[in-house]
């Protein structure tokens, strides 16, 4: 490629040269011949003639705004880098851009990614999955995807969670003037370790919420067995599931311990064979989120009050919410298959 053609690729052609291109085209010359005669790339010749046909002129038309600092090719390169490594930083992208010959500011790079529909967001925390875990998740999803709604309605879902008194991870927005961020009304009081927390065991079905139990002290297999003994069948009875229900629990070592398995076997409890490291399909995760949001809106001041409010809000969760979450189970399984056993949007 000649030096003149290389310059023309990056600079706008003079109007006189554009007029000569159109004149030659009107005299019957083809794009290739015009390109060779005037030493202008054939694609540029085609673009100028197309513009002349569309607007009837070769002059530079008014642009909608300031010309972009980043070329289309530069933007595509950045998008490719981000898709290859979503965790790449803007500083690293800036370095890549400089290496590609287009030195850009961080704000230019950010704006270019926004135009391509890419935004910086806090990464979700998900369990680390091995190939074995993902294979087990796919097999589980395929096995239960076509279960009837009647079968799903007979599942008693269970899990444990921790709720902190002051909710150190919760966010609350305030309306304030600049420079008043540290004024008392504009702050949320915190103490070390969240001011204490409680651990809860709970269960629910499509018919509503079952028992919610505060776990005293450290949870072990013996304590877990006692919780089941005091609350499992009572919850099933309250929810009118009958004796032929299916119990769901994850693969926490306390749940798979020998004394737990013996108790479940001796009491003829049917277990939903749950794959390891797979909280996504369990609809109770969304119920825990609902509970935590409701509890923190009431701002409990001590652990006794926190436990009482948790139990009150658990009972207030409507049956329709439980039904909706259980009905979402097939979609959760389809998402697992679509993701090939990896984490899903759930």
C-alpha atoms as a PDB file:
ATOM      1  CA  UNK A   1       0.000   0.000   0.000  1.00  0.00           C
ATOM      2  CA  UNK A   2       1.388   3.451  -0.955  1.00  0.00           C
ATOM      3  CA  UNK A   3       2.102   6.138   1.652  1.00  0.00           C
ATOM      4  CA  UNK A   4      -0.608   8.345   0.115  1.00  0.00           C
ATOM      5  CA  UNK A   5      -3.264   5.626   0.476  1.00  0.00           C
ATOM      6  CA  UNK A   6      -2.183   4.982   4.090  1.00  0.00           C
ATOM      7  CA  UNK A   7      -2.642   8.667   4.918  1.00  0.00           C
ATOM      8  CA  UNK A   8      -6.034   8.714   3.190  1.00  0.00           C
ATOM      9  CA  UNK A   9      -7.217   5.880   5.400  1.00  0.00           C
ATOM     10  CA  UNK A  10      -6.867   8.061   8.483  1.00  0.00           C
ATOM     11  CA  UNK A  11      -7.618  11.565   7.114  1.00  0.00           C
ATOM     12  CA  UNK A  12     -10.667  13.019   5.419  1.00  0.00           C
ATOM     13  CA  UNK A  13     -10.228  13.479   1.645  1.00  0.00           C
ATOM     14  CA  UNK A  14     -10.239  17.049   0.254  1.00  0.00           C
ATOM     15  CA  UNK A  15     -13.553  18.060  -1.305  1.00  0.00           C
ATOM     16  CA  UNK A  16     -11.816  18.620  -4.677  1.00  0.00           C
ATOM     17  CA  UNK A  17     -10.685  14.975  -4.711  1.00  0.00           C
ATOM     18  CA  UNK A  18     -14.158  13.759  -3.713  1.00  0.00           C
ATOM     19  CA  UNK A  19     -15.639  15.769  -6.610  1.00  0.00           C
ATOM     20  CA  UNK A  20     -13.168  14.150  -9.029  1.00  0.00           C
ATOM     21  CA  UNK A  21     -14.204  10.687  -7.797  1.00  0.00           C
ATOM     22  CA  UNK A  22     -17.880  11.472  -8.453  1.00  0.00           C
ATOM     23  CA  UNK A  23     -17.083  13.021 -11.867  1.00  0.00           C
ATOM     24  CA  UNK A  24     -15.225   9.894 -12.956  1.00  0.00           C
ATOM     25  CA  UNK A  25     -18.079   7.723 -11.687  1.00  0.00           C
ATOM     26  CA  UNK A  26     -20.586   9.799 -13.689  1.00  0.00           C
ATOM     27  CA  UNK A  27     -18.448   9.355 -16.796  1.00  0.00           C
ATOM     28  CA  UNK A  28     -18.842   5.597 -16.464  1.00  0.00           C
ATOM     29  CA  UNK A  29     -15.608   4.556 -14.752  1.00  0.00           C
ATOM     30  CA  UNK A  30     -15.756   1.684 -12.255  1.00  0.00           C
ATOM     31  CA  UNK A  31     -14.610   1.739  -8.610  1.00  0.00           C
ATOM     32  CA  UNK A  32     -11.423  -0.204  -9.317  1.00  0.00           C
ATOM     33  CA  UNK A  33     -10.336   2.099 -12.158  1.00  0.00           C
ATOM     34  CA  UNK A  34     -11.080   5.260 -10.115  1.00  0.00           C
ATOM     35  CA  UNK A  35      -9.135   3.842  -7.161  1.00  0.00           C
ATOM     36  CA  UNK A  36      -6.071   3.089  -9.302  1.00  0.00           C
ATOM     37  CA  UNK A  37      -6.152   6.445 -11.108  1.00  0.00           C
ATOM     38  CA  UNK A  38      -6.552   8.635  -8.024  1.00  0.00           C
ATOM     39  CA  UNK A  39      -4.676   6.357  -5.573  1.00  0.00           C
ATOM     40  CA  UNK A  40      -7.653   6.182  -3.221  1.00  0.00           C
ATOM     41  CA  UNK A  41      -8.759   2.899  -1.552  1.00  0.00           C
ATOM     42  CA  UNK A  42     -11.638   1.257  -3.398  1.00  0.00           C
ATOM     43  CA  UNK A  43     -13.719   1.139  -0.192  1.00  0.00           C
ATOM     44  CA  UNK A  44     -13.311   4.915   0.172  1.00  0.00           C
ATOM     45  CA  UNK A  45     -14.356   5.434  -3.462  1.00  0.00           C
ATOM     46  CA  UNK A  46     -17.463   3.325  -2.853  1.00  0.00           C
ATOM     47  CA  UNK A  47     -18.295   5.216   0.339  1.00  0.00           C
ATOM     48  CA  UNK A  48     -18.003   8.654  -1.321  1.00  0.00           C
ATOM     49  CA  UNK A  49     -20.151   7.618  -4.284  1.00  0.00           C
ATOM     50  CA  UNK A  50     -22.773   6.082  -1.967  1.00  0.00           C
ATOM     51  CA  UNK A  51     -22.901   9.298   0.046  1.00  0.00           C
ATOM     52  CA  UNK A  52     -23.251  11.366  -3.155  1.00  0.00           C
ATOM     53  CA  UNK A  53     -26.128   9.159  -4.355  1.00  0.00           C
ATOM     54  CA  UNK A  54     -27.877   9.424  -0.980  1.00  0.00           C
ATOM     55  CA  UNK A  55     -27.400  13.127  -0.216  1.00  0.00           C
ATOM     56  CA  UNK A  56     -26.591  14.628  -3.637  1.00  0.00           C
ATOM     57  CA  UNK A  57     -23.380  16.243  -2.402  1.00  0.00           C
ATOM     58  CA  UNK A  58     -19.743  15.468  -1.582  1.00  0.00           C
ATOM     59  CA  UNK A  59     -19.308  18.139   1.047  1.00  0.00           C
ATOM     60  CA  UNK A  60     -18.823  17.211   4.696  1.00  0.00           C
ATOM     61  CA  UNK A  61     -22.236  17.039   6.342  1.00  0.00           C
ATOM     62  CA  UNK A  62     -22.875  18.276   9.883  1.00  0.00           C
ATOM     63  CA  UNK A  63     -22.034  15.614  12.444  1.00  0.00           C
ATOM     64  CA  UNK A  64     -24.315  14.857  15.432  1.00  0.00           C
ATOM     65  CA  UNK A  65     -21.549  15.701  17.900  1.00  0.00           C
ATOM     66  CA  UNK A  66     -17.853  15.700  18.555  1.00  0.00           C
ATOM     67  CA  UNK A  67     -16.029  12.953  16.629  1.00  0.00           C
ATOM     68  CA  UNK A  68     -15.389   9.863  18.732  1.00  0.00           C
ATOM     69  CA  UNK A  69     -11.920   9.697  20.266  1.00  0.00           C
ATOM     70  CA  UNK A  70     -11.949   5.927  19.884  1.00  0.00           C
ATOM     71  CA  UNK A  71     -12.343   4.300  16.487  1.00  0.00           C
ATOM     72  CA  UNK A  72     -14.881   1.547  15.839  1.00  0.00           C
ATOM     73  CA  UNK A  73     -12.032  -0.920  15.561  1.00  0.00           C
ATOM     74  CA  UNK A  74     -10.603   0.264  18.887  1.00  0.00           C
ATOM     75  CA  UNK A  75     -14.009  -0.164  20.529  1.00  0.00           C
ATOM     76  CA  UNK A  76     -14.369  -3.689  19.113  1.00  0.00           C
ATOM     77  CA  UNK A  77     -10.898  -4.582  20.418  1.00  0.00           C
ATOM     78  CA  UNK A  78     -11.828  -3.375  23.906  1.00  0.00           C
ATOM     79  CA  UNK A  79     -15.105  -5.312  23.885  1.00  0.00           C
ATOM     80  CA  UNK A  80     -13.203  -8.416  22.777  1.00  0.00           C
ATOM     81  CA  UNK A  81     -10.767  -8.024  25.689  1.00  0.00           C
ATOM     82  CA  UNK A  82     -13.615  -7.600  28.192  1.00  0.00           C
ATOM     83  CA  UNK A  83     -15.496 -10.648  26.905  1.00  0.00           C
ATOM     84  CA  UNK A  84     -12.294 -12.657  27.060  1.00  0.00           C
ATOM     85  CA  UNK A  85     -11.647 -11.551  30.652  1.00  0.00           C
ATOM     86  CA  UNK A  86     -14.642  -9.905  32.412  1.00  0.00           C
ATOM     87  CA  UNK A  87     -12.449  -9.169  35.468  1.00  0.00           C
ATOM     88  CA  UNK A  88     -10.003  -6.967  33.522  1.00  0.00           C
ATOM     89  CA  UNK A  89      -9.607  -3.465  35.006  1.00  0.00           C
ATOM     90  CA  UNK A  90      -9.995  -0.135  33.197  1.00  0.00           C
ATOM     91  CA  UNK A  91      -6.284   0.546  33.796  1.00  0.00           C
ATOM     92  CA  UNK A  92      -5.410  -2.723  32.038  1.00  0.00           C
ATOM     93  CA  UNK A  93      -7.760  -1.837  29.172  1.00  0.00           C
ATOM     94  CA  UNK A  94      -6.081   1.556  28.916  1.00  0.00           C
ATOM     95  CA  UNK A  95      -2.735  -0.198  28.558  1.00  0.00           C
ATOM     96  CA  UNK A  96      -4.174  -2.511  25.876  1.00  0.00           C
ATOM     97  CA  UNK A  97      -5.588   0.482  24.024  1.00  0.00           C
ATOM     98  CA  UNK A  98      -2.194   2.193  24.080  1.00  0.00           C
ATOM     99  CA  UNK A  99      -0.510  -0.956  22.734  1.00  0.00           C
ATOM    100  CA  UNK A 100      -3.032  -1.019  19.870  1.00  0.00           C
ATOM    101  CA  UNK A 101      -2.067   2.515  18.914  1.00  0.00           C
ATOM    102  CA  UNK A 102      -5.095   4.341  20.357  1.00  0.00           C
ATOM    103  CA  UNK A 103      -4.201   6.033  23.612  1.00  0.00           C
ATOM    104  CA  UNK A 104      -7.493   6.667  25.435  1.00  0.00           C
ATOM    105  CA  UNK A 105      -8.495   8.016  28.825  1.00  0.00           C
ATOM    106  CA  UNK A 106     -10.308   5.840  31.359  1.00  0.00           C
ATOM    107  CA  UNK A 107     -13.524   7.816  30.878  1.00  0.00           C
ATOM    108  CA  UNK A 108     -13.358   7.284  27.085  1.00  0.00           C
ATOM    109  CA  UNK A 109     -12.885   3.547  27.553  1.00  0.00           C
ATOM    110  CA  UNK A 110     -15.735   3.371  30.081  1.00  0.00           C
ATOM    111  CA  UNK A 111     -18.067   5.314  27.762  1.00  0.00           C
ATOM    112  CA  UNK A 112     -17.168   3.038  24.831  1.00  0.00           C
ATOM    113  CA  UNK A 113     -17.972  -0.078  26.879  1.00  0.00           C
ATOM    114  CA  UNK A 114     -21.277   1.469  28.014  1.00  0.00           C
ATOM    115  CA  UNK A 115     -22.199   2.047  24.359  1.00  0.00           C
ATOM    116  CA  UNK A 116     -21.609  -1.671  23.789  1.00  0.00           C
ATOM    117  CA  UNK A 117     -23.906  -2.592  26.689  1.00  0.00           C
ATOM    118  CA  UNK A 118     -21.115  -3.478  29.139  1.00  0.00           C
ATOM    119  CA  UNK A 119     -21.178  -2.005  32.654  1.00  0.00           C
ATOM    120  CA  UNK A 120     -19.003  -2.475  35.716  1.00  0.00           C
ATOM    121  CA  UNK A 121     -20.871  -4.346  38.447  1.00  0.00           C
ATOM    122  CA  UNK A 122     -19.961  -6.088  41.701  1.00  0.00           C
ATOM    123  CA  UNK A 123     -19.236  -9.740  40.933  1.00  0.00           C
ATOM    124  CA  UNK A 124     -21.680 -12.189  42.511  1.00  0.00           C
ATOM    125  CA  UNK A 125     -20.198 -14.670  44.961  1.00  0.00           C
ATOM    126  CA  UNK A 126     -20.925 -18.243  43.906  1.00  0.00           C
ATOM    127  CA  UNK A 127     -19.661 -21.644  45.117  1.00  0.00           C
ATOM    128  CA  UNK A 128     -16.491 -22.952  43.477  1.00  0.00           C
ATOM    129  CA  UNK A 129     -17.594 -25.756  41.149  1.00  0.00           C
ATOM    130  CA  UNK A 130     -15.414 -28.586  39.885  1.00  0.00           C
ATOM    131  CA  UNK A 131     -16.126 -30.604  36.726  1.00  0.00           C
ATOM    132  CA  UNK A 132     -17.545 -33.341  38.981  1.00  0.00           C
ATOM    133  CA  UNK A 133     -19.907 -30.884  40.697  1.00  0.00           C
ATOM    134  CA  UNK A 134     -21.162 -29.519  37.360  1.00  0.00           C
ATOM    135  CA  UNK A 135     -21.739 -33.001  35.958  1.00  0.00           C
ATOM    136  CA  UNK A 136     -23.755 -33.954  39.058  1.00  0.00           C
ATOM    137  CA  UNK A 137     -25.822 -30.754  38.751  1.00  0.00           C
ATOM    138  CA  UNK A 138     -26.678 -31.486  35.113  1.00  0.00           C
ATOM    139  CA  UNK A 139     -27.672 -35.071  35.921  1.00  0.00           C
ATOM    140  CA  UNK A 140     -29.859 -33.891  38.818  1.00  0.00           C
ATOM    141  CA  UNK A 141     -31.514 -31.207  36.662  1.00  0.00           C
ATOM    142  CA  UNK A 142     -32.295 -33.594  33.819  1.00  0.00           C
ATOM    143  CA  UNK A 143     -33.650 -36.191  36.241  1.00  0.00           C
ATOM    144  CA  UNK A 144     -36.099 -33.822  37.975  1.00  0.00           C
ATOM    145  CA  UNK A 145     -36.949 -31.343  35.212  1.00  0.00           C
ATOM    146  CA  UNK A 146     -40.094 -33.218  34.231  1.00  0.00           C
ATOM    147  CA  UNK A 147     -41.345 -33.982  37.734  1.00  0.00           C
ATOM    148  CA  UNK A 148     -45.031 -33.149  38.081  1.00  0.00           C
ATOM    149  CA  UNK A 149     -46.220 -30.092  39.966  1.00  0.00           C
ATOM    150  CA  UNK A 150     -47.911 -32.469  42.419  1.00  0.00           C
ATOM    151  CA  UNK A 151     -44.525 -34.039  43.224  1.00  0.00           C
ATOM    152  CA  UNK A 152     -42.919 -30.620  43.689  1.00  0.00           C
ATOM    153  CA  UNK A 153     -45.742 -29.536  45.991  1.00  0.00           C
ATOM    154  CA  UNK A 154     -44.902 -32.485  48.283  1.00  0.00           C
ATOM    155  CA  UNK A 155     -41.290 -31.321  48.794  1.00  0.00           C
ATOM    156  CA  UNK A 156     -40.357 -29.784  52.141  1.00  0.00           C
ATOM    157  CA  UNK A 157     -37.414 -27.466  51.409  1.00  0.00           C
ATOM    158  CA  UNK A 158     -34.941 -26.704  54.217  1.00  0.00           C
ATOM    159  CA  UNK A 159     -31.762 -24.776  54.889  1.00  0.00           C
ATOM    160  CA  UNK A 160     -29.831 -22.797  57.517  1.00  0.00           C
ATOM    161  CA  UNK A 161     -28.864 -19.142  57.413  1.00  0.00           C
ATOM    162  CA  UNK A 162     -27.198 -16.458  59.532  1.00  0.00           C
ATOM    163  CA  UNK A 163     -28.814 -13.085  60.231  1.00  0.00           C
ATOM    164  CA  UNK A 164     -26.744 -10.270  61.731  1.00  0.00           C
ATOM    165  CA  UNK A 165     -28.218  -7.780  64.160  1.00  0.00           C
ATOM    166  CA  UNK A 166     -27.148  -4.653  62.300  1.00  0.00           C
ATOM    167  CA  UNK A 167     -26.767  -6.235  58.878  1.00  0.00           C
ATOM    168  CA  UNK A 168     -23.241  -5.079  58.013  1.00  0.00           C
ATOM    169  CA  UNK A 169     -23.774  -6.114  54.381  1.00  0.00           C
ATOM    170  CA  UNK A 170     -27.057  -4.270  53.900  1.00  0.00           C
ATOM    171  CA  UNK A 171     -27.214  -0.944  52.037  1.00  0.00           C
ATOM    172  CA  UNK A 172     -29.467   1.974  52.803  1.00  0.00           C
ATOM    173  CA  UNK A 173     -29.640   5.202  50.828  1.00  0.00           C
ATOM    174  CA  UNK A 174     -30.193   8.628  52.407  1.00  0.00           C
ATOM    175  CA  UNK A 175     -30.987  12.067  51.005  1.00  0.00           C
ATOM    176  CA  UNK A 176     -28.283  14.480  52.147  1.00  0.00           C
ATOM    177  CA  UNK A 177     -26.424  17.618  51.139  1.00  0.00           C
ATOM    178  CA  UNK A 178     -22.740  17.548  50.092  1.00  0.00           C
ATOM    179  CA  UNK A 179     -20.395  17.482  53.067  1.00  0.00           C
ATOM    180  CA  UNK A 180     -22.962  15.962  55.467  1.00  0.00           C
ATOM    181  CA  UNK A 181     -22.093  12.273  54.981  1.00  0.00           C
ATOM    182  CA  UNK A 182     -20.916  11.932  58.604  1.00  0.00           C
ATOM    183  CA  UNK A 183     -23.835  13.751  60.229  1.00  0.00           C
ATOM    184  CA  UNK A 184     -25.606  11.374  62.620  1.00  0.00           C
ATOM    185  CA  UNK A 185     -28.985  11.249  60.779  1.00  0.00           C
ATOM    186  CA  UNK A 186     -27.145  10.280  57.584  1.00  0.00           C
ATOM    187  CA  UNK A 187     -25.274   7.300  59.036  1.00  0.00           C
ATOM    188  CA  UNK A 188     -26.119   3.698  59.937  1.00  0.00           C
ATOM    189  CA  UNK A 189     -24.753   2.632  63.364  1.00  0.00           C
ATOM    190  CA  UNK A 190     -22.455  -0.387  63.252  1.00  0.00           C
ATOM    191  CA  UNK A 191     -20.477  -2.332  65.816  1.00  0.00           C
ATOM    192  CA  UNK A 192     -17.726  -4.913  65.482  1.00  0.00           C
ATOM    193  CA  UNK A 193     -18.833  -8.247  63.996  1.00  0.00           C
ATOM    194  CA  UNK A 194     -22.299  -6.830  63.210  1.00  0.00           C
ATOM    195  CA  UNK A 195     -23.330  -6.628  66.892  1.00  0.00           C
ATOM    196  CA  UNK A 196     -23.819 -10.381  67.001  1.00  0.00           C
ATOM    197  CA  UNK A 197     -25.943 -12.705  64.922  1.00  0.00           C
ATOM    198  CA  UNK A 198     -28.247 -15.682  65.135  1.00  0.00           C
ATOM    199  CA  UNK A 199     -28.316 -18.844  63.059  1.00  0.00           C
ATOM    200  CA  UNK A 200     -31.653 -20.197  61.917  1.00  0.00           C
ATOM    201  CA  UNK A 201     -32.979 -23.448  60.510  1.00  0.00           C
ATOM    202  CA  UNK A 202     -36.185 -23.215  58.522  1.00  0.00           C
ATOM    203  CA  UNK A 203     -38.333 -25.088  56.045  1.00  0.00           C
ATOM    204  CA  UNK A 204     -41.194 -24.383  53.659  1.00  0.00           C
ATOM    205  CA  UNK A 205     -43.306 -25.937  50.912  1.00  0.00           C
ATOM    206  CA  UNK A 206     -45.690 -24.682  48.260  1.00  0.00           C
ATOM    207  CA  UNK A 207     -48.317 -24.583  51.032  1.00  0.00           C
ATOM    208  CA  UNK A 208     -46.395 -21.979  53.064  1.00  0.00           C
ATOM    209  CA  UNK A 209     -43.647 -21.644  55.647  1.00  0.00           C
ATOM    210  CA  UNK A 210     -42.926 -24.349  58.214  1.00  0.00           C
ATOM    211  CA  UNK A 211     -41.044 -24.070  61.489  1.00  0.00           C
ATOM    212  CA  UNK A 212     -38.236 -21.545  61.976  1.00  0.00           C
ATOM    213  CA  UNK A 213     -35.774 -22.469  64.737  1.00  0.00           C
ATOM    214  CA  UNK A 214     -32.936 -20.486  66.312  1.00  0.00           C
ATOM    215  CA  UNK A 215     -29.832 -22.669  66.640  1.00  0.00           C
ATOM    216  CA  UNK A 216     -28.328 -22.411  70.120  1.00  0.00           C
ATOM    217  CA  UNK A 217     -24.534 -22.668  70.276  1.00  0.00           C
ATOM    218  CA  UNK A 218     -22.456 -24.468  67.674  1.00  0.00           C
ATOM    219  CA  UNK A 219     -24.334 -26.596  65.170  1.00  0.00           C
ATOM    220  CA  UNK A 220     -23.275 -30.253  64.965  1.00  0.00           C
ATOM    221  CA  UNK A 221     -24.821 -33.467  63.700  1.00  0.00           C
ATOM    222  CA  UNK A 222     -26.469 -34.295  67.045  1.00  0.00           C
ATOM    223  CA  UNK A 223     -28.044 -30.849  67.299  1.00  0.00           C
ATOM    224  CA  UNK A 224     -29.220 -31.061  63.679  1.00  0.00           C
ATOM    225  CA  UNK A 225     -30.845 -34.439  64.371  1.00  0.00           C
ATOM    226  CA  UNK A 226     -32.633 -32.927  67.405  1.00  0.00           C
ATOM    227  CA  UNK A 227     -33.920 -30.043  65.259  1.00  0.00           C
ATOM    228  CA  UNK A 228     -35.342 -32.510  62.746  1.00  0.00           C
ATOM    229  CA  UNK A 229     -36.888 -34.611  65.497  1.00  0.00           C
ATOM    230  CA  UNK A 230     -38.664 -31.625  67.042  1.00  0.00           C
ATOM    231  CA  UNK A 231     -39.647 -29.764  63.870  1.00  0.00           C
ATOM    232  CA  UNK A 232     -39.641 -31.853  60.679  1.00  0.00           C
ATOM    233  CA  UNK A 233     -42.847 -33.880  61.080  1.00  0.00           C
ATOM    234  CA  UNK A 234     -44.594 -31.036  62.873  1.00  0.00           C
ATOM    235  CA  UNK A 235     -43.872 -28.744  59.917  1.00  0.00           C
ATOM    236  CA  UNK A 236     -45.110 -31.365  57.467  1.00  0.00           C
ATOM    237  CA  UNK A 237     -48.288 -31.759  59.540  1.00  0.00           C
ATOM    238  CA  UNK A 238     -48.854 -27.986  59.757  1.00  0.00           C
ATOM    239  CA  UNK A 239     -48.474 -27.731  55.968  1.00  0.00           C
ATOM    240  CA  UNK A 240     -50.725 -30.772  55.423  1.00  0.00           C
ATOM    241  CA  UNK A 241     -48.103 -32.671  53.443  1.00  0.00           C
ATOM    242  CA  UNK A 242     -49.002 -36.015  55.015  1.00  0.00           C
ATOM    243  CA  UNK A 243     -46.426 -38.718  55.778  1.00  0.00           C
ATOM    244  CA  UNK A 244     -45.447 -39.253  52.120  1.00  0.00           C
ATOM    245  CA  UNK A 245     -43.543 -36.011  51.593  1.00  0.00           C
ATOM    246  CA  UNK A 246     -39.992 -35.568  50.256  1.00  0.00           C
ATOM    247  CA  UNK A 247     -37.424 -33.782  52.398  1.00  0.00           C
ATOM    248  CA  UNK A 248     -34.820 -31.543  50.753  1.00  0.00           C
ATOM    249  CA  UNK A 249     -31.517 -30.716  52.453  1.00  0.00           C
ATOM    250  CA  UNK A 250     -28.082 -29.877  51.065  1.00  0.00           C
ATOM    251  CA  UNK A 251     -24.925 -31.948  51.510  1.00  0.00           C
ATOM    252  CA  UNK A 252     -23.567 -30.178  54.570  1.00  0.00           C
ATOM    253  CA  UNK A 253     -21.481 -32.706  56.588  1.00  0.00           C
ATOM    254  CA  UNK A 254     -23.964 -32.409  59.482  1.00  0.00           C
ATOM    255  CA  UNK A 255     -26.756 -33.450  57.134  1.00  0.00           C
ATOM    256  CA  UNK A 256     -24.870 -36.479  55.816  1.00  0.00           C
ATOM    257  CA  UNK A 257     -23.449 -37.584  59.167  1.00  0.00           C
ATOM    258  CA  UNK A 258     -24.095 -41.165  60.313  1.00  0.00           C
ATOM    259  CA  UNK A 259     -26.483 -40.247  63.159  1.00  0.00           C
ATOM    260  CA  UNK A 260     -28.489 -37.985  60.823  1.00  0.00           C
ATOM    261  CA  UNK A 261     -28.783 -40.683  58.171  1.00  0.00           C
ATOM    262  CA  UNK A 262     -29.817 -43.232  60.801  1.00  0.00           C
ATOM    263  CA  UNK A 263     -32.560 -40.938  62.145  1.00  0.00           C
ATOM    264  CA  UNK A 264     -33.902 -40.239  58.653  1.00  0.00           C
ATOM    265  CA  UNK A 265     -33.843 -43.947  57.792  1.00  0.00           C
ATOM    266  CA  UNK A 266     -35.477 -45.023  61.076  1.00  0.00           C
ATOM    267  CA  UNK A 267     -38.259 -42.475  60.515  1.00  0.00           C
ATOM    268  CA  UNK A 268     -38.766 -43.461  56.845  1.00  0.00           C
ATOM    269  CA  UNK A 269     -38.062 -39.961  55.536  1.00  0.00           C
ATOM    270  CA  UNK A 270     -37.742 -39.767  51.739  1.00  0.00           C
ATOM    271  CA  UNK A 271     -34.756 -37.587  50.808  1.00  0.00           C
ATOM    272  CA  UNK A 272     -34.363 -35.542  47.634  1.00  0.00           C
ATOM    273  CA  UNK A 273     -30.887 -36.551  46.453  1.00  0.00           C
ATOM    274  CA  UNK A 274     -29.281 -33.092  46.266  1.00  0.00           C
ATOM    275  CA  UNK A 275     -26.019 -32.418  44.349  1.00  0.00           C
ATOM    276  CA  UNK A 276     -23.083 -30.825  46.203  1.00  0.00           C
ATOM    277  CA  UNK A 277     -22.226 -27.119  45.870  1.00  0.00           C
ATOM    278  CA  UNK A 278     -25.541 -26.228  44.229  1.00  0.00           C
ATOM    279  CA  UNK A 279     -27.593 -23.626  46.131  1.00  0.00           C
ATOM    280  CA  UNK A 280     -28.979 -22.076  42.915  1.00  0.00           C
ATOM    281  CA  UNK A 281     -31.885 -24.514  42.355  1.00  0.00           C
ATOM    282  CA  UNK A 282     -33.047 -24.257  45.995  1.00  0.00           C
ATOM    283  CA  UNK A 283     -35.944 -21.761  46.152  1.00  0.00           C
ATOM    284  CA  UNK A 284     -35.486 -21.244  49.915  1.00  0.00           C
ATOM    285  CA  UNK A 285     -32.483 -18.984  49.114  1.00  0.00           C
ATOM    286  CA  UNK A 286     -34.918 -16.338  47.852  1.00  0.00           C
ATOM    287  CA  UNK A 287     -37.069 -16.793  50.958  1.00  0.00           C
ATOM    288  CA  UNK A 288     -34.051 -16.070  53.176  1.00  0.00           C
ATOM    289  CA  UNK A 289     -33.457 -12.869  51.230  1.00  0.00           C
ATOM    290  CA  UNK A 290     -37.092 -11.829  51.709  1.00  0.00           C
ATOM    291  CA  UNK A 291     -36.809 -12.519  55.446  1.00  0.00           C
ATOM    292  CA  UNK A 292     -33.583 -10.540  55.898  1.00  0.00           C
ATOM    293  CA  UNK A 293     -34.981  -7.521  54.063  1.00  0.00           C
ATOM    294  CA  UNK A 294     -38.162  -7.548  56.162  1.00  0.00           C
ATOM    295  CA  UNK A 295     -36.250  -7.974  59.435  1.00  0.00           C
ATOM    296  CA  UNK A 296     -33.764  -5.171  58.820  1.00  0.00           C
ATOM    297  CA  UNK A 297     -36.592  -2.774  57.931  1.00  0.00           C
ATOM    298  CA  UNK A 298     -37.799  -3.246  61.519  1.00  0.00           C
ATOM    299  CA  UNK A 299     -34.338  -2.456  62.983  1.00  0.00           C
ATOM    300  CA  UNK A 300     -34.132  -4.876  65.951  1.00  0.00           C
ATOM    301  CA  UNK A 301     -31.942  -3.552  68.788  1.00  0.00           C
ATOM    302  CA  UNK A 302     -30.774  -6.813  70.416  1.00  0.00           C
ATOM    303  CA  UNK A 303     -30.488 -10.527  69.628  1.00  0.00           C
ATOM    304  CA  UNK A 304     -33.658 -11.476  71.556  1.00  0.00           C
ATOM    305  CA  UNK A 305     -35.636  -8.953  69.548  1.00  0.00           C
ATOM    306  CA  UNK A 306     -33.922 -10.122  66.349  1.00  0.00           C
ATOM    307  CA  UNK A 307     -35.065 -13.715  66.922  1.00  0.00           C
ATOM    308  CA  UNK A 308     -38.625 -12.647  67.733  1.00  0.00           C
ATOM    309  CA  UNK A 309     -38.883 -10.429  64.635  1.00  0.00           C
ATOM    310  CA  UNK A 310     -37.414 -13.185  62.433  1.00  0.00           C
ATOM    311  CA  UNK A 311     -40.139 -15.609  63.553  1.00  0.00           C
ATOM    312  CA  UNK A 312     -42.869 -12.988  63.097  1.00  0.00           C
ATOM    313  CA  UNK A 313     -41.728 -12.061  59.590  1.00  0.00           C
ATOM    314  CA  UNK A 314     -41.301 -15.739  58.654  1.00  0.00           C
ATOM    315  CA  UNK A 315     -44.934 -16.374  59.511  1.00  0.00           C
ATOM    316  CA  UNK A 316     -45.992 -13.313  57.508  1.00  0.00           C
ATOM    317  CA  UNK A 317     -44.518 -14.611  54.253  1.00  0.00           C
ATOM    318  CA  UNK A 318     -47.615 -15.237  52.101  1.00  0.00           C
ATOM    319  CA  UNK A 319     -48.458 -18.659  50.743  1.00  0.00           C
ATOM    320  CA  UNK A 320     -48.555 -17.162  47.218  1.00  0.00           C
ATOM    321  CA  UNK A 321     -44.851 -16.291  47.522  1.00  0.00           C
ATOM    322  CA  UNK A 322     -44.042 -19.881  48.520  1.00  0.00           C
ATOM    323  CA  UNK A 323     -46.123 -21.256  45.646  1.00  0.00           C
ATOM    324  CA  UNK A 324     -44.352 -18.981  43.169  1.00  0.00           C
ATOM    325  CA  UNK A 325     -40.895 -20.023  44.358  1.00  0.00           C
ATOM    326  CA  UNK A 326     -41.705 -23.745  44.155  1.00  0.00           C
ATOM    327  CA  UNK A 327     -43.223 -23.217  40.687  1.00  0.00           C
ATOM    328  CA  UNK A 328     -39.890 -21.692  39.605  1.00  0.00           C
ATOM    329  CA  UNK A 329     -38.019 -24.969  40.268  1.00  0.00           C
ATOM    330  CA  UNK A 330     -38.297 -26.285  36.649  1.00  0.00           C
ATOM    331  CA  UNK A 331     -36.938 -22.965  35.314  1.00  0.00           C
ATOM    332  CA  UNK A 332     -34.048 -23.186  37.771  1.00  0.00           C
ATOM    333  CA  UNK A 333     -33.241 -26.686  36.510  1.00  0.00           C
ATOM    334  CA  UNK A 334     -33.432 -25.552  32.870  1.00  0.00           C
ATOM    335  CA  UNK A 335     -31.005 -22.732  33.733  1.00  0.00           C
ATOM    336  CA  UNK A 336     -28.599 -25.296  35.242  1.00  0.00           C
ATOM    337  CA  UNK A 337     -28.689 -27.349  32.027  1.00  0.00           C
ATOM    338  CA  UNK A 338     -28.302 -24.219  29.874  1.00  0.00           C
ATOM    339  CA  UNK A 339     -25.237 -23.225  31.937  1.00  0.00           C
ATOM    340  CA  UNK A 340     -23.838 -26.780  31.661  1.00  0.00           C
ATOM    341  CA  UNK A 341     -23.908 -27.196  35.430  1.00  0.00           C
ATOM    342  CA  UNK A 342     -22.275 -23.835  36.206  1.00  0.00           C
ATOM    343  CA  UNK A 343     -23.811 -21.053  38.337  1.00  0.00           C
ATOM    344  CA  UNK A 344     -27.070 -19.505  37.110  1.00  0.00           C
ATOM    345  CA  UNK A 345     -28.883 -16.189  37.553  1.00  0.00           C
ATOM    346  CA  UNK A 346     -30.718 -17.751  40.499  1.00  0.00           C
END
